Amino acid sequence: MKKYLVFIFTIFLGWQAKAQLSPEASKATPIKWITFEEAVEKSKTEKRKIFIDVYTEWCGWCKVMDKSTFTDPEIAKLLNEKYYAVKFDAEQTADVVFRGTTFKFVPFGNKGAHQLAMALLNNQLSYPNFVFLDEEFRIVPIFENSTSLPGYRKPEEFHIFLSFVGGDFFKKTNIQEYQKGYKSPYHSAANNTSGGM
């Protein structure tokens, strides 16, 4: 009987260890992700910029961003201090009501897209894609003629954009000028931030 109980206990411990390594657990990052609706609600009491990660479940580079860039301590610190960080599935089917407008999922092709994702990305549906909103929910363009920041970015590349918007530098200058005086917290990567621009 004791051997049987030890066997059951061992299986239970193994199951516990596997549960801790489940896909849901591995998605955990130090960033305090919230929904778009939660960010809008929080903005009523404490104004902050909103950072939106527009992704899809099938997007491989989105998963790489989650595992590498969004787990980086410098990125997490900046997002948690300066922004409400939102993850928005571009193919979610749930309606989103924002400023009196109901945004819905629109099926087309094999899948479809959510109207809010289409509006945020100006119908340029590529993933991952990132949108910055100011405290009044206006889109902050990073580059001229672009409402979003598309594509995978390493932490040392991504940090410059977060600090540019988070520090309100976009109100005084453009990203190219800001980059000239930007001080990277990544020692050896300081001169490698121009590769993705």
C-alpha atoms as a PDB file:
ATOM      1  CA  MET A   1       0.000   0.000   0.000  1.00  0.00           C
ATOM      2  CA  LYS A   2       2.860   2.434   0.835  1.00  0.00           C
ATOM      3  CA  LYS A   3       4.472   1.791  -2.554  1.00  0.00           C
ATOM      4  CA  TYR A   4       1.157   2.553  -4.233  1.00  0.00           C
ATOM      5  CA  LEU A   5       0.785   5.878  -2.334  1.00  0.00           C
ATOM      6  CA  VAL A   6       4.383   6.854  -3.148  1.00  0.00           C
ATOM      7  CA  PHE A   7       3.714   6.049  -6.818  1.00  0.00           C
ATOM      8  CA  ILE A   8       0.538   8.199  -6.830  1.00  0.00           C
ATOM      9  CA  PHE A   9       2.360  11.033  -5.024  1.00  0.00           C
ATOM     10  CA  THR A  10       5.228  10.886  -7.567  1.00  0.00           C
ATOM     11  CA  ILE A  11       2.776  11.079 -10.460  1.00  0.00           C
ATOM     12  CA  PHE A  12       1.045  14.038  -8.775  1.00  0.00           C
ATOM     13  CA  LEU A  13       4.369  15.898  -8.394  1.00  0.00           C
ATOM     14  CA  GLY A  14       5.212  15.210 -12.045  1.00  0.00           C
ATOM     15  CA  TRP A  15       1.793  16.507 -13.093  1.00  0.00           C
ATOM     16  CA  GLN A  16       2.324  19.640 -10.973  1.00  0.00           C
ATOM     17  CA  ALA A  17       5.690  20.293 -12.657  1.00  0.00           C
ATOM     18  CA  LYS A  18       4.142  19.862 -16.129  1.00  0.00           C
ATOM     19  CA  ALA A  19       1.284  22.196 -15.198  1.00  0.00           C
ATOM     20  CA  GLN A  20       3.820  24.881 -14.301  1.00  0.00           C
ATOM     21  CA  LEU A  21       5.393  24.548 -17.755  1.00  0.00           C
ATOM     22  CA  SER A  22       2.102  24.659 -19.639  1.00  0.00           C
ATOM     23  CA  PRO A  23       1.770  26.961 -22.675  1.00  0.00           C
ATOM     24  CA  GLU A  24      -0.296  29.387 -20.605  1.00  0.00           C
ATOM     25  CA  ALA A  25       2.400  29.563 -17.936  1.00  0.00           C
ATOM     26  CA  SER A  26       5.149  30.051 -20.513  1.00  0.00           C
ATOM     27  CA  LYS A  27       3.280  33.086 -21.893  1.00  0.00           C
ATOM     28  CA  ALA A  28       3.724  34.874 -18.585  1.00  0.00           C
ATOM     29  CA  THR A  29       5.851  38.005 -18.894  1.00  0.00           C
ATOM     30  CA  PRO A  30       6.769  40.715 -16.416  1.00  0.00           C
ATOM     31  CA  ILE A  31       4.527  43.105 -18.383  1.00  0.00           C
ATOM     32  CA  LYS A  32       1.122  43.871 -16.883  1.00  0.00           C
ATOM     33  CA  TRP A  33      -0.978  43.155 -19.990  1.00  0.00           C
ATOM     34  CA  ILE A  34      -4.597  44.273 -19.940  1.00  0.00           C
ATOM     35  CA  THR A  35      -7.438  44.398 -22.464  1.00  0.00           C
ATOM     36  CA  PHE A  36      -8.231  47.446 -24.562  1.00  0.00           C
ATOM     37  CA  GLU A  37     -11.451  47.974 -22.588  1.00  0.00           C
ATOM     38  CA  GLU A  38      -9.525  47.830 -19.288  1.00  0.00           C
ATOM     39  CA  ALA A  39      -7.025  50.405 -20.558  1.00  0.00           C
ATOM     40  CA  VAL A  40      -9.828  52.777 -21.547  1.00  0.00           C
ATOM     41  CA  GLU A  41     -11.463  52.302 -18.130  1.00  0.00           C
ATOM     42  CA  LYS A  42      -8.184  52.864 -16.237  1.00  0.00           C
ATOM     43  CA  SER A  43      -7.573  56.023 -18.268  1.00  0.00           C
ATOM     44  CA  LYS A  44     -10.635  57.570 -16.643  1.00  0.00           C
ATOM     45  CA  THR A  45      -8.838  57.704 -13.297  1.00  0.00           C
ATOM     46  CA  GLU A  46      -5.168  57.826 -14.327  1.00  0.00           C
ATOM     47  CA  LYS A  47      -4.213  59.124 -17.762  1.00  0.00           C
ATOM     48  CA  ARG A  48      -1.435  57.216 -19.483  1.00  0.00           C
ATOM     49  CA  LYS A  49      -0.390  56.421 -22.993  1.00  0.00           C
ATOM     50  CA  ILE A  50      -1.620  53.102 -24.355  1.00  0.00           C
ATOM     51  CA  PHE A  51       0.660  50.643 -26.100  1.00  0.00           C
ATOM     52  CA  ILE A  52      -1.176  48.078 -28.237  1.00  0.00           C
ATOM     53  CA  ASP A  53       0.415  44.844 -29.437  1.00  0.00           C
ATOM     54  CA  VAL A  54      -1.778  43.792 -32.369  1.00  0.00           C
ATOM     55  CA  TYR A  55      -1.169  40.085 -32.933  1.00  0.00           C
ATOM     56  CA  THR A  56      -2.767  36.862 -34.163  1.00  0.00           C
ATOM     57  CA  GLU A  57      -2.610  33.338 -32.744  1.00  0.00           C
ATOM     58  CA  TRP A  58      -0.927  31.983 -35.892  1.00  0.00           C
ATOM     59  CA  CYS A  59       1.767  34.690 -36.084  1.00  0.00           C
ATOM     60  CA  GLY A  60       5.200  33.146 -35.473  1.00  0.00           C
ATOM     61  CA  TRP A  61       7.044  36.448 -35.047  1.00  0.00           C
ATOM     62  CA  CYS A  62       4.427  37.537 -32.486  1.00  0.00           C
ATOM     63  CA  LYS A  63       5.409  34.517 -30.387  1.00  0.00           C
ATOM     64  CA  VAL A  64       9.099  35.410 -30.758  1.00  0.00           C
ATOM     65  CA  MET A  65       8.324  38.945 -29.522  1.00  0.00           C
ATOM     66  CA  ASP A  66       6.530  37.429 -26.519  1.00  0.00           C
ATOM     67  CA  LYS A  67       9.453  35.150 -25.673  1.00  0.00           C
ATOM     68  CA  SER A  68      12.358  37.528 -26.269  1.00  0.00           C
ATOM     69  CA  THR A  69      11.439  41.204 -26.428  1.00  0.00           C
ATOM     70  CA  PHE A  70       8.512  41.296 -23.995  1.00  0.00           C
ATOM     71  CA  THR A  71      10.403  39.301 -21.369  1.00  0.00           C
ATOM     72  CA  ASP A  72      13.282  41.794 -21.398  1.00  0.00           C
ATOM     73  CA  PRO A  73      13.480  43.694 -18.059  1.00  0.00           C
ATOM     74  CA  GLU A  74      14.140  47.112 -19.674  1.00  0.00           C
ATOM     75  CA  ILE A  75      11.164  46.733 -22.025  1.00  0.00           C
ATOM     76  CA  ALA A  76       8.876  45.509 -19.227  1.00  0.00           C
ATOM     77  CA  LYS A  77       9.927  48.361 -16.928  1.00  0.00           C
ATOM     78  CA  LEU A  78       9.233  51.039 -19.539  1.00  0.00           C
ATOM     79  CA  LEU A  79       5.878  49.541 -20.555  1.00  0.00           C
ATOM     80  CA  ASN A  80       4.728  49.123 -16.944  1.00  0.00           C
ATOM     81  CA  GLU A  81       5.801  52.647 -15.895  1.00  0.00           C
ATOM     82  CA  LYS A  82       4.732  54.736 -18.882  1.00  0.00           C
ATOM     83  CA  TYR A  83       1.885  52.858 -20.566  1.00  0.00           C
ATOM     84  CA  TYR A  84      -1.165  50.712 -20.255  1.00  0.00           C
ATOM     85  CA  ALA A  85       0.057  47.678 -22.181  1.00  0.00           C
ATOM     86  CA  VAL A  86      -2.641  46.030 -24.291  1.00  0.00           C
ATOM     87  CA  LYS A  87      -2.592  42.790 -26.248  1.00  0.00           C
ATOM     88  CA  PHE A  88      -5.195  42.845 -29.002  1.00  0.00           C
ATOM     89  CA  ASP A  89      -5.947  39.761 -31.107  1.00  0.00           C
ATOM     90  CA  ALA A  90      -6.636  41.114 -34.600  1.00  0.00           C
ATOM     91  CA  GLU A  91      -8.926  38.139 -35.243  1.00  0.00           C
ATOM     92  CA  GLN A  92     -10.935  38.196 -32.016  1.00  0.00           C
ATOM     93  CA  THR A  93     -14.667  37.819 -32.539  1.00  0.00           C
ATOM     94  CA  ALA A  94     -15.899  39.724 -29.478  1.00  0.00           C
ATOM     95  CA  ASP A  95     -17.283  43.213 -30.084  1.00  0.00           C
ATOM     96  CA  VAL A  96     -15.425  46.216 -28.661  1.00  0.00           C
ATOM     97  CA  VAL A  97     -17.334  49.396 -27.862  1.00  0.00           C
ATOM     98  CA  PHE A  98     -15.175  52.517 -27.934  1.00  0.00           C
ATOM     99  CA  ARG A  99     -16.431  56.116 -27.849  1.00  0.00           C
ATOM    100  CA  GLY A 100     -19.921  55.105 -28.871  1.00  0.00           C
ATOM    101  CA  THR A 101     -18.846  52.935 -31.801  1.00  0.00           C
ATOM    102  CA  THR A 102     -19.139  49.139 -31.790  1.00  0.00           C
ATOM    103  CA  PHE A 103     -16.217  47.483 -33.550  1.00  0.00           C
ATOM    104  CA  LYS A 104     -16.936  43.954 -34.801  1.00  0.00           C
ATOM    105  CA  PHE A 105     -15.170  40.991 -36.329  1.00  0.00           C
ATOM    106  CA  VAL A 106     -15.452  40.980 -40.129  1.00  0.00           C
ATOM    107  CA  PRO A 107     -15.066  37.554 -41.779  1.00  0.00           C
ATOM    108  CA  PHE A 108     -13.242  37.428 -45.110  1.00  0.00           C
ATOM    109  CA  GLY A 109     -11.055  34.853 -46.806  1.00  0.00           C
ATOM    110  CA  ASN A 110     -10.262  31.928 -44.515  1.00  0.00           C
ATOM    111  CA  LYS A 111     -10.409  34.029 -41.357  1.00  0.00           C
ATOM    112  CA  GLY A 112     -11.143  37.746 -41.133  1.00  0.00           C
ATOM    113  CA  ALA A 113     -10.151  40.672 -38.968  1.00  0.00           C
ATOM    114  CA  HIS A 114     -11.551  42.840 -36.224  1.00  0.00           C
ATOM    115  CA  GLN A 115     -12.668  46.339 -37.201  1.00  0.00           C
ATOM    116  CA  LEU A 116     -10.692  47.870 -34.322  1.00  0.00           C
ATOM    117  CA  ALA A 117      -7.486  46.230 -35.589  1.00  0.00           C
ATOM    118  CA  MET A 118      -8.256  47.522 -39.091  1.00  0.00           C
ATOM    119  CA  ALA A 119      -8.817  51.042 -37.746  1.00  0.00           C
ATOM    120  CA  LEU A 120      -5.673  51.038 -35.583  1.00  0.00           C
ATOM    121  CA  LEU A 121      -3.498  49.693 -38.405  1.00  0.00           C
ATOM    122  CA  ASN A 122      -5.089  51.783 -41.159  1.00  0.00           C
ATOM    123  CA  ASN A 123      -6.002  48.501 -42.912  1.00  0.00           C
ATOM    124  CA  GLN A 124      -2.305  47.511 -43.130  1.00  0.00           C
ATOM    125  CA  LEU A 125      -2.866  44.077 -41.577  1.00  0.00           C
ATOM    126  CA  SER A 126       0.574  42.638 -40.875  1.00  0.00           C
ATOM    127  CA  TYR A 127       1.727  41.088 -37.612  1.00  0.00           C
ATOM    128  CA  PRO A 128       3.175  41.729 -35.175  1.00  0.00           C
ATOM    129  CA  ASN A 129       2.205  45.379 -35.306  1.00  0.00           C
ATOM    130  CA  PHE A 130       2.332  48.013 -32.593  1.00  0.00           C
ATOM    131  CA  VAL A 131       0.242  51.115 -32.034  1.00  0.00           C
ATOM    132  CA  PHE A 132       0.858  53.958 -29.593  1.00  0.00           C
ATOM    133  CA  LEU A 133      -2.022  56.085 -28.332  1.00  0.00           C
ATOM    134  CA  ASP A 134      -1.558  59.294 -26.371  1.00  0.00           C
ATOM    135  CA  GLU A 135      -3.533  60.125 -23.232  1.00  0.00           C
ATOM    136  CA  GLU A 136      -6.479  61.307 -25.367  1.00  0.00           C
ATOM    137  CA  PHE A 137      -6.534  58.059 -27.416  1.00  0.00           C
ATOM    138  CA  ARG A 138      -4.988  59.687 -30.492  1.00  0.00           C
ATOM    139  CA  ILE A 139      -2.573  57.556 -32.530  1.00  0.00           C
ATOM    140  CA  VAL A 140       1.050  58.653 -32.203  1.00  0.00           C
ATOM    141  CA  PRO A 141       2.759  58.068 -35.559  1.00  0.00           C
ATOM    142  CA  ILE A 142       6.331  56.825 -35.189  1.00  0.00           C
ATOM    143  CA  PHE A 143       7.255  57.442 -38.805  1.00  0.00           C
ATOM    144  CA  GLU A 144       5.732  59.889 -41.263  1.00  0.00           C
ATOM    145  CA  ASN A 145       2.717  58.418 -43.071  1.00  0.00           C
ATOM    146  CA  SER A 146       2.479  55.453 -40.703  1.00  0.00           C
ATOM    147  CA  THR A 147       0.012  54.880 -37.894  1.00  0.00           C
ATOM    148  CA  SER A 148       1.804  51.798 -36.564  1.00  0.00           C
ATOM    149  CA  LEU A 149       5.169  50.150 -36.032  1.00  0.00           C
ATOM    150  CA  PRO A 150       5.149  46.818 -37.899  1.00  0.00           C
ATOM    151  CA  GLY A 151       7.436  43.824 -37.558  1.00  0.00           C
ATOM    152  CA  TYR A 152       9.521  41.919 -35.077  1.00  0.00           C
ATOM    153  CA  ARG A 153      11.962  44.019 -33.030  1.00  0.00           C
ATOM    154  CA  LYS A 154      14.739  42.921 -30.695  1.00  0.00           C
ATOM    155  CA  PRO A 155      14.689  44.553 -27.235  1.00  0.00           C
ATOM    156  CA  GLU A 156      17.534  46.948 -28.063  1.00  0.00           C
ATOM    157  CA  GLU A 157      15.698  48.076 -31.225  1.00  0.00           C
ATOM    158  CA  PHE A 158      12.297  48.270 -29.565  1.00  0.00           C
ATOM    159  CA  HIS A 159      13.391  50.293 -26.533  1.00  0.00           C
ATOM    160  CA  ILE A 160      14.051  53.420 -28.573  1.00  0.00           C
ATOM    161  CA  PHE A 161      10.436  53.556 -29.795  1.00  0.00           C
ATOM    162  CA  LEU A 162       9.008  53.012 -26.308  1.00  0.00           C
ATOM    163  CA  SER A 163      11.196  55.753 -24.845  1.00  0.00           C
ATOM    164  CA  PHE A 164      10.491  58.111 -27.778  1.00  0.00           C
ATOM    165  CA  VAL A 165       6.730  57.992 -27.172  1.00  0.00           C
ATOM    166  CA  GLY A 166       6.813  57.369 -23.402  1.00  0.00           C
ATOM    167  CA  GLY A 167       9.009  60.421 -22.819  1.00  0.00           C
ATOM    168  CA  ASP A 168       6.849  62.688 -25.032  1.00  0.00           C
ATOM    169  CA  PHE A 169       9.790  63.300 -27.393  1.00  0.00           C
ATOM    170  CA  PHE A 170       7.432  62.793 -30.355  1.00  0.00           C
ATOM    171  CA  LYS A 171       5.918  66.197 -29.499  1.00  0.00           C
ATOM    172  CA  LYS A 172       9.234  67.988 -30.170  1.00  0.00           C
ATOM    173  CA  THR A 173      11.106  65.972 -32.778  1.00  0.00           C
ATOM    174  CA  ASN A 174      10.969  63.021 -35.162  1.00  0.00           C
ATOM    175  CA  ILE A 175      12.336  59.532 -34.483  1.00  0.00           C
ATOM    176  CA  GLN A 176      15.395  60.059 -36.693  1.00  0.00           C
ATOM    177  CA  GLU A 177      16.488  63.171 -34.750  1.00  0.00           C
ATOM    178  CA  TYR A 178      15.654  61.548 -31.425  1.00  0.00           C
ATOM    179  CA  GLN A 179      17.811  58.547 -32.280  1.00  0.00           C
ATOM    180  CA  LYS A 180      20.914  60.749 -32.635  1.00  0.00           C
ATOM    181  CA  GLY A 181      20.874  61.650 -28.933  1.00  0.00           C
ATOM    182  CA  TYR A 182      19.262  58.465 -27.632  1.00  0.00           C
ATOM    183  CA  LYS A 183      21.144  56.730 -24.803  1.00  0.00           C
ATOM    184  CA  SER A 184      20.555  52.994 -24.920  1.00  0.00           C
ATOM    185  CA  PRO A 185      20.429  50.950 -21.707  1.00  0.00           C
ATOM    186  CA  TYR A 186      21.925  48.091 -23.758  1.00  0.00           C
ATOM    187  CA  HIS A 187      25.682  48.611 -23.630  1.00  0.00           C
ATOM    188  CA  SER A 188      26.965  46.955 -26.786  1.00  0.00           C
ATOM    189  CA  ALA A 189      23.710  47.399 -28.687  1.00  0.00           C
ATOM    190  CA  ALA A 190      23.642  51.196 -28.500  1.00  0.00           C
ATOM    191  CA  ASN A 191      24.793  51.616 -32.082  1.00  0.00           C
ATOM    192  CA  ASN A 192      22.646  48.813 -33.513  1.00  0.00           C
ATOM    193  CA  THR A 193      19.235  50.484 -33.171  1.00  0.00           C
ATOM    194  CA  SER A 194      19.167  51.867 -36.692  1.00  0.00           C
ATOM    195  CA  GLY A 195      18.956  48.438 -38.361  1.00  0.00           C
ATOM    196  CA  GLY A 196      15.175  48.182 -38.128  1.00  0.00           C
ATOM    197  CA  MET A 197      14.365  51.690 -39.313  1.00  0.00           C
END
